């Protein structure tokens, strides 16, 4: 996953987000672990206009990679 990729959220948001919101988004920034260099989270611009940080572990699926 890198900046510019189109991603889909594959987890559950809980009761605070209406069903159908935040389904797809664009990666704006990727955060990595300083020691292991593995991706920890990403800032995503969601389809409803919200910019939110999401844990990248098993909750995001890359749909279309940017070049």
N, C-alpha and C. Protein backbone atom coordinates (compact mmCIF):
# COMPACT_ATOMS: atom_id res chain seq x y z
N UNK A 1 0.84 -1.16 0.00
CA UNK A 1 0.00 0.00 0.00
C UNK A 1 0.89 1.24 0.00
N UNK A 2 0.51 2.22 -0.85
CA UNK A 2 1.28 3.46 -0.91
C UNK A 2 0.34 4.63 -1.19
N UNK A 3 0.85 5.84 -1.07
CA UNK A 3 0.06 7.04 -1.30
C UNK A 3 -0.54 7.02 -2.69
N UNK A 4 -1.83 7.31 -2.80
CA UNK A 4 -2.52 7.34 -4.08
C UNK A 4 -3.30 6.08 -4.41
N UNK A 5 -3.09 5.02 -3.64
CA UNK A 5 -3.82 3.76 -3.90
C UNK A 5 -5.29 3.91 -3.53
N UNK A 6 -6.15 3.27 -4.29
CA UNK A 6 -7.57 3.18 -3.99
C UNK A 6 -7.76 1.95 -3.11
N UNK A 7 -8.39 2.13 -1.94
CA UNK A 7 -8.55 1.03 -0.99
C UNK A 7 -10.02 0.85 -0.61
N UNK A 8 -10.32 -0.35 -0.14
CA UNK A 8 -11.65 -0.68 0.37
C UNK A 8 -11.50 -1.14 1.80
N UNK A 9 -12.40 -0.68 2.67
CA UNK A 9 -12.39 -1.11 4.07
C UNK A 9 -13.10 -2.45 4.15
N UNK A 10 -12.48 -3.44 4.78
CA UNK A 10 -13.05 -4.79 4.83
C UNK A 10 -13.41 -5.22 6.26
N UNK A 11 -13.46 -4.27 7.18
CA UNK A 11 -13.82 -4.58 8.56
C UNK A 11 -15.21 -4.05 8.88
N UNK A 12 -15.46 -3.81 10.15
CA UNK A 12 -16.71 -3.20 10.59
C UNK A 12 -16.40 -1.93 11.35
N UNK A 13 -17.18 -0.90 11.13
CA UNK A 13 -16.96 0.39 11.78
C UNK A 13 -17.62 0.49 13.14
N UNK A 14 -18.71 -0.19 13.34
CA UNK A 14 -19.46 -0.06 14.59
C UNK A 14 -20.65 0.87 14.40
N UNK A 15 -21.33 1.20 15.48
CA UNK A 15 -22.59 1.94 15.38
C UNK A 15 -22.46 3.42 15.04
N UNK A 16 -21.25 4.00 15.11
CA UNK A 16 -21.10 5.43 14.87
C UNK A 16 -21.11 5.81 13.40
N UNK A 17 -20.93 4.84 12.51
CA UNK A 17 -20.89 5.11 11.07
C UNK A 17 -22.09 4.45 10.41
N UNK A 18 -22.84 5.24 9.62
CA UNK A 18 -24.00 4.69 8.92
C UNK A 18 -23.56 3.66 7.88
N UNK A 19 -24.39 2.65 7.68
CA UNK A 19 -24.09 1.59 6.72
C UNK A 19 -23.95 2.19 5.32
N UNK A 20 -22.90 1.80 4.61
CA UNK A 20 -22.64 2.31 3.27
C UNK A 20 -21.63 3.44 3.23
N UNK A 21 -21.32 4.05 4.38
CA UNK A 21 -20.32 5.12 4.41
C UNK A 21 -18.92 4.52 4.58
N UNK A 22 -17.95 5.26 4.14
CA UNK A 22 -16.53 4.88 4.25
C UNK A 22 -16.27 3.49 3.70
N UNK A 23 -16.72 3.23 2.51
CA UNK A 23 -16.47 1.94 1.86
C UNK A 23 -15.16 1.96 1.08
N UNK A 24 -14.91 3.03 0.34
CA UNK A 24 -13.68 3.15 -0.45
C UNK A 24 -13.02 4.49 -0.15
N UNK A 25 -11.72 4.54 -0.39
CA UNK A 25 -10.99 5.78 -0.14
C UNK A 25 -9.64 5.77 -0.83
N UNK A 26 -8.95 6.90 -0.71
CA UNK A 26 -7.63 7.07 -1.31
C UNK A 26 -6.61 7.26 -0.20
N UNK A 27 -5.50 6.55 -0.29
CA UNK A 27 -4.43 6.65 0.72
C UNK A 27 -3.74 8.00 0.57
N UNK A 28 -3.72 8.77 1.66
CA UNK A 28 -3.06 10.08 1.66
C UNK A 28 -1.68 10.03 2.32
N UNK A 29 -1.52 9.19 3.33
CA UNK A 29 -0.23 9.04 4.02
C UNK A 29 -0.16 7.65 4.62
N UNK A 30 1.02 7.07 4.60
CA UNK A 30 1.24 5.74 5.17
C UNK A 30 2.21 5.89 6.34
N UNK A 31 1.85 5.27 7.47
CA UNK A 31 2.67 5.32 8.68
C UNK A 31 3.30 3.94 8.91
N UNK A 32 4.61 3.93 9.13
CA UNK A 32 5.33 2.67 9.35
C UNK A 32 5.93 2.62 10.75
N UNK A 33 6.19 1.42 11.21
CA UNK A 33 6.86 1.19 12.48
C UNK A 33 8.32 1.56 12.31
N UNK A 34 8.86 2.38 13.20
CA UNK A 34 10.24 2.83 13.08
C UNK A 34 11.27 1.71 13.21
N UNK A 35 10.94 0.68 13.94
CA UNK A 35 11.90 -0.41 14.15
C UNK A 35 11.80 -1.48 13.07
N UNK A 36 10.57 -1.93 12.78
CA UNK A 36 10.39 -3.03 11.83
C UNK A 36 10.15 -2.57 10.40
N UNK A 37 9.82 -1.29 10.21
CA UNK A 37 9.53 -0.71 8.89
C UNK A 37 8.26 -1.28 8.25
N UNK A 38 7.43 -1.98 9.03
CA UNK A 38 6.16 -2.50 8.52
C UNK A 38 5.09 -1.42 8.61
N UNK A 39 4.14 -1.45 7.68
CA UNK A 39 3.05 -0.49 7.68
C UNK A 39 2.16 -0.73 8.89
N UNK A 40 1.91 0.34 9.66
CA UNK A 40 1.07 0.25 10.85
C UNK A 40 -0.33 0.82 10.61
N UNK A 41 -0.39 1.97 9.94
CA UNK A 41 -1.68 2.60 9.68
C UNK A 41 -1.56 3.51 8.47
N UNK A 42 -2.70 4.06 8.07
CA UNK A 42 -2.72 4.95 6.91
C UNK A 42 -3.80 6.00 7.11
N UNK A 43 -3.53 7.21 6.60
CA UNK A 43 -4.55 8.25 6.57
C UNK A 43 -5.30 8.08 5.26
N UNK A 44 -6.63 7.94 5.35
CA UNK A 44 -7.46 7.66 4.18
C UNK A 44 -8.46 8.79 3.98
N UNK A 45 -8.57 9.29 2.75
CA UNK A 45 -9.63 10.23 2.37
C UNK A 45 -10.79 9.38 1.86
N UNK A 46 -11.86 9.28 2.68
CA UNK A 46 -12.97 8.38 2.38
C UNK A 46 -13.94 8.98 1.39
N UNK A 47 -14.79 8.12 0.82
CA UNK A 47 -15.75 8.52 -0.20
C UNK A 47 -16.79 9.52 0.31
N UNK A 48 -16.93 9.67 1.63
CA UNK A 48 -17.87 10.65 2.17
C UNK A 48 -17.17 11.97 2.52
N UNK A 49 -15.88 12.10 2.17
CA UNK A 49 -15.13 13.33 2.38
C UNK A 49 -14.35 13.41 3.67
N UNK A 50 -14.46 12.41 4.53
CA UNK A 50 -13.74 12.42 5.80
C UNK A 50 -12.31 11.91 5.63
N UNK A 51 -11.39 12.51 6.37
CA UNK A 51 -10.00 12.07 6.39
C UNK A 51 -9.77 11.42 7.75
N UNK A 52 -9.52 10.12 7.76
CA UNK A 52 -9.37 9.37 9.01
C UNK A 52 -8.17 8.44 8.94
N UNK A 53 -7.54 8.24 10.09
CA UNK A 53 -6.45 7.26 10.21
C UNK A 53 -7.06 5.89 10.48
N UNK A 54 -6.55 4.87 9.78
CA UNK A 54 -7.07 3.51 9.92
C UNK A 54 -5.89 2.56 10.11
N UNK A 55 -6.04 1.64 11.05
CA UNK A 55 -5.04 0.60 11.23
C UNK A 55 -5.01 -0.25 9.96
N UNK A 56 -3.85 -0.42 9.39
CA UNK A 56 -3.73 -1.11 8.10
C UNK A 56 -3.76 -2.62 8.23
N UNK A 57 -3.67 -3.14 9.42
CA UNK A 57 -3.58 -4.58 9.61
C UNK A 57 -4.93 -5.25 9.34
N UNK A 58 -5.05 -5.93 8.23
CA UNK A 58 -6.23 -6.71 7.85
C UNK A 58 -7.53 -5.93 7.72
N UNK A 59 -7.48 -4.60 7.65
CA UNK A 59 -8.73 -3.85 7.53
C UNK A 59 -8.83 -3.12 6.19
N UNK A 60 -7.77 -3.09 5.41
CA UNK A 60 -7.80 -2.41 4.12
C UNK A 60 -7.37 -3.35 3.01
N UNK A 61 -8.08 -3.28 1.89
CA UNK A 61 -7.73 -4.06 0.71
C UNK A 61 -7.45 -3.09 -0.43
N UNK A 62 -6.30 -3.22 -1.07
CA UNK A 62 -5.94 -2.32 -2.18
C UNK A 62 -6.73 -2.76 -3.41
N UNK A 63 -7.53 -1.83 -3.97
CA UNK A 63 -8.31 -2.12 -5.17
C UNK A 63 -7.57 -1.74 -6.44
N UNK A 64 -6.85 -0.61 -6.39
CA UNK A 64 -6.16 -0.09 -7.57
C UNK A 64 -4.90 0.62 -7.11
N UNK A 65 -3.75 0.12 -7.51
CA UNK A 65 -2.49 0.72 -7.10
C UNK A 65 -2.16 1.92 -7.98
N UNK A 66 -1.63 2.99 -7.33
CA UNK A 66 -1.16 4.14 -8.10
C UNK A 66 0.22 3.79 -8.68
N UNK A 67 0.61 4.48 -9.70
CA UNK A 67 1.90 4.18 -10.33
C UNK A 67 2.99 5.05 -9.81
